[in-house]
Structure formats: C-alpha cells, structure tokens
Amino acid sequence: MNSTMSEEPDALAVVNQLRDLAADPLNRRAIVQDQGCLPGLILFLDHPNPPVVHSALLALRYLAECRANREKMKSELGMMLSLQTVIQKVLKSHQLCDVICAKLRI
C-alpha cells in the first residue's frame, strides 16, 4: 500500500472529527482559541481529496456561526487565500460543466 492511500483516510478521519466537534455550538469558541485546530482546518482546504476539503469547509462554517470567532478566523494566516483558492477551483469546475453541458446541449 502506498503512503498516499494510508494518509488520506487519516486526514479524512481527523477533519471529520473536527467537523463533528465544531457542529456542537458549545465547542466552537474553544476550537478557534486552540493553537492548532484552526490552522489545521485551513491546511485541509488545500488537500487533494475533495471529501477532506468539504468536511473542512463544513467545520469552518460551523465555527463562523459563532460571532466571537469571526475576527480571529478572518485574520488567521492563510484563511482568506485558501478560501479564495477553493472558490476558484469550484468556479473552474462549474465552468467546465457548463461547457460540457453546452456541447451536449443539456
């Protein structure tokens, strides 16, 4: 088994655990105040496995629902750039789908 195959389930397990913790409003402030959780979630936004990115986005959405977290999240190193990168990838995917649909006349 190659290292990529063994790392991806671990990344997905970790990000899913953070997502599940962030789903509970009582955990949201503590997660953002923790030294490693928010930077870790941001790193997951650049992961090559789409389910990992999706789970990280859900976790960040939950965290942003807490008003007290928003300023810290906005100022966290890499947060806005990583979100912009995800948006660009999604837009590129949508554009490709639009081209395919247009060619197929769907």
Protein backbone atom coordinates (compact mmCIF):
# COMPACT_ATOMS: atom_id res chain seq x y z
CA MET A 1 0.00 0.00 0.00
CA ASN A 2 1.43 3.41 -0.91
CA SER A 3 1.69 6.28 1.56
CA THR A 4 -0.97 8.40 -0.18
CA MET A 5 -3.59 5.72 0.35
CA SER A 6 -2.79 5.39 4.04
CA GLU A 7 -2.63 9.16 4.66
CA GLU A 8 -5.96 10.09 3.09
CA PRO A 9 -8.21 8.10 5.44
CA ASP A 10 -6.26 9.58 8.35
CA ALA A 11 -6.76 13.12 7.05
CA LEU A 12 -10.44 12.44 6.48
CA ALA A 13 -10.82 10.95 9.96
CA VAL A 14 -9.11 13.95 11.57
CA VAL A 15 -11.09 16.56 9.66
CA ASN A 16 -14.35 14.68 10.25
CA GLN A 17 -13.64 14.65 13.97
CA LEU A 18 -13.01 18.41 13.94
CA ARG A 19 -16.19 18.92 11.90
CA ASP A 20 -18.20 16.87 14.39
CA LEU A 21 -16.75 18.84 17.31
CA ALA A 22 -17.48 22.15 15.53
CA ALA A 23 -21.07 21.06 14.93
CA ASP A 24 -21.67 21.50 18.67
CA PRO A 25 -22.10 25.24 19.43
CA LEU A 26 -20.56 24.70 22.87
CA ASN A 27 -17.22 23.72 21.29
CA ARG A 28 -16.88 26.48 18.71
CA ARG A 29 -15.05 29.13 20.72
CA ALA A 30 -12.62 26.62 22.22
CA ILE A 31 -11.75 25.21 18.79
CA VAL A 32 -10.87 28.63 17.39
CA GLN A 33 -8.91 29.56 20.54
CA ASP A 34 -6.87 26.33 20.34
CA GLN A 35 -3.37 26.83 18.91
CA GLY A 36 -3.60 24.10 16.27
CA CYS A 37 -7.23 23.50 15.30
CA LEU A 38 -7.94 26.50 13.10
CA PRO A 39 -4.56 26.41 11.29
CA GLY A 40 -5.07 22.69 10.77
CA LEU A 41 -8.50 23.18 9.26
CA ILE A 42 -7.07 25.81 6.93
CA LEU A 43 -4.39 23.37 5.76
CA PHE A 44 -7.11 20.83 4.97
CA LEU A 45 -8.60 23.31 2.46
CA ASP A 46 -5.61 22.60 0.20
CA HIS A 47 -5.94 18.82 0.48
CA PRO A 48 -6.18 16.91 -2.83
CA ASN A 49 -9.05 14.72 -1.57
CA PRO A 50 -12.37 16.58 -2.15
CA PRO A 51 -14.19 14.92 0.81
CA VAL A 52 -11.45 16.26 3.12
CA VAL A 53 -11.90 19.79 1.72
CA HIS A 54 -15.68 19.52 2.01
CA SER A 55 -15.50 18.40 5.62
CA ALA A 56 -13.07 21.22 6.45
CA LEU A 57 -15.42 23.74 4.84
CA LEU A 58 -18.31 22.44 6.93
CA ALA A 59 -16.24 22.72 10.09
CA LEU A 60 -15.25 26.29 9.22
CA ARG A 61 -18.87 27.16 8.51
CA TYR A 62 -19.88 25.89 11.94
CA LEU A 63 -17.07 27.87 13.56
CA ALA A 64 -18.08 31.05 11.70
CA GLU A 65 -21.61 30.76 13.07
CA CYS A 66 -20.16 31.91 16.40
CA ARG A 67 -19.82 35.70 16.16
CA ALA A 68 -16.93 35.73 18.61
CA ASN A 69 -14.85 33.61 16.20
CA ARG A 70 -15.21 35.68 13.06
CA GLU A 71 -12.46 38.26 13.51
CA LYS A 72 -9.91 35.64 14.55
CA MET A 73 -10.89 33.47 11.62
CA LYS A 74 -10.61 36.35 9.12
CA SER A 75 -7.16 37.27 10.41
CA GLU A 76 -5.80 33.71 10.63
CA LEU A 77 -2.81 33.21 8.34
CA GLY A 78 -3.81 31.60 5.06
CA MET A 79 -7.55 31.54 5.74
CA MET A 80 -8.75 34.02 3.13
CA LEU A 81 -6.25 32.87 0.49
CA SER A 82 -7.22 29.22 0.96
CA LEU A 83 -10.92 30.08 0.73
CA GLN A 84 -10.29 32.04 -2.47
CA THR A 85 -8.39 29.06 -3.91
CA VAL A 86 -11.31 26.73 -3.11
CA ILE A 87 -13.75 29.18 -4.72
CA GLN A 88 -11.60 29.38 -7.87
CA LYS A 89 -11.44 25.57 -8.12
CA VAL A 90 -15.21 25.31 -7.73
CA LEU A 91 -15.83 28.03 -10.31
CA LYS A 92 -13.45 26.33 -12.72
CA SER A 93 -15.35 23.05 -12.21
CA HIS A 94 -18.67 24.80 -12.81
CA GLN A 95 -17.31 26.44 -15.96
CA LEU A 96 -16.14 23.06 -17.24
CA CYS A 97 -19.55 21.56 -16.50
CA ASP A 98 -21.22 24.45 -18.32
CA VAL A 99 -19.02 23.86 -21.38
CA ILE A 100 -19.75 20.13 -21.35
CA CYS A 101 -23.49 20.72 -20.94
CA ALA A 102 -23.44 23.28 -23.75
CA LYS A 103 -21.60 20.86 -26.05
CA LEU A 104 -24.06 18.11 -25.20
CA ARG A 105 -26.97 20.57 -25.42
CA ILE A 106 -28.24 19.66 -21.96
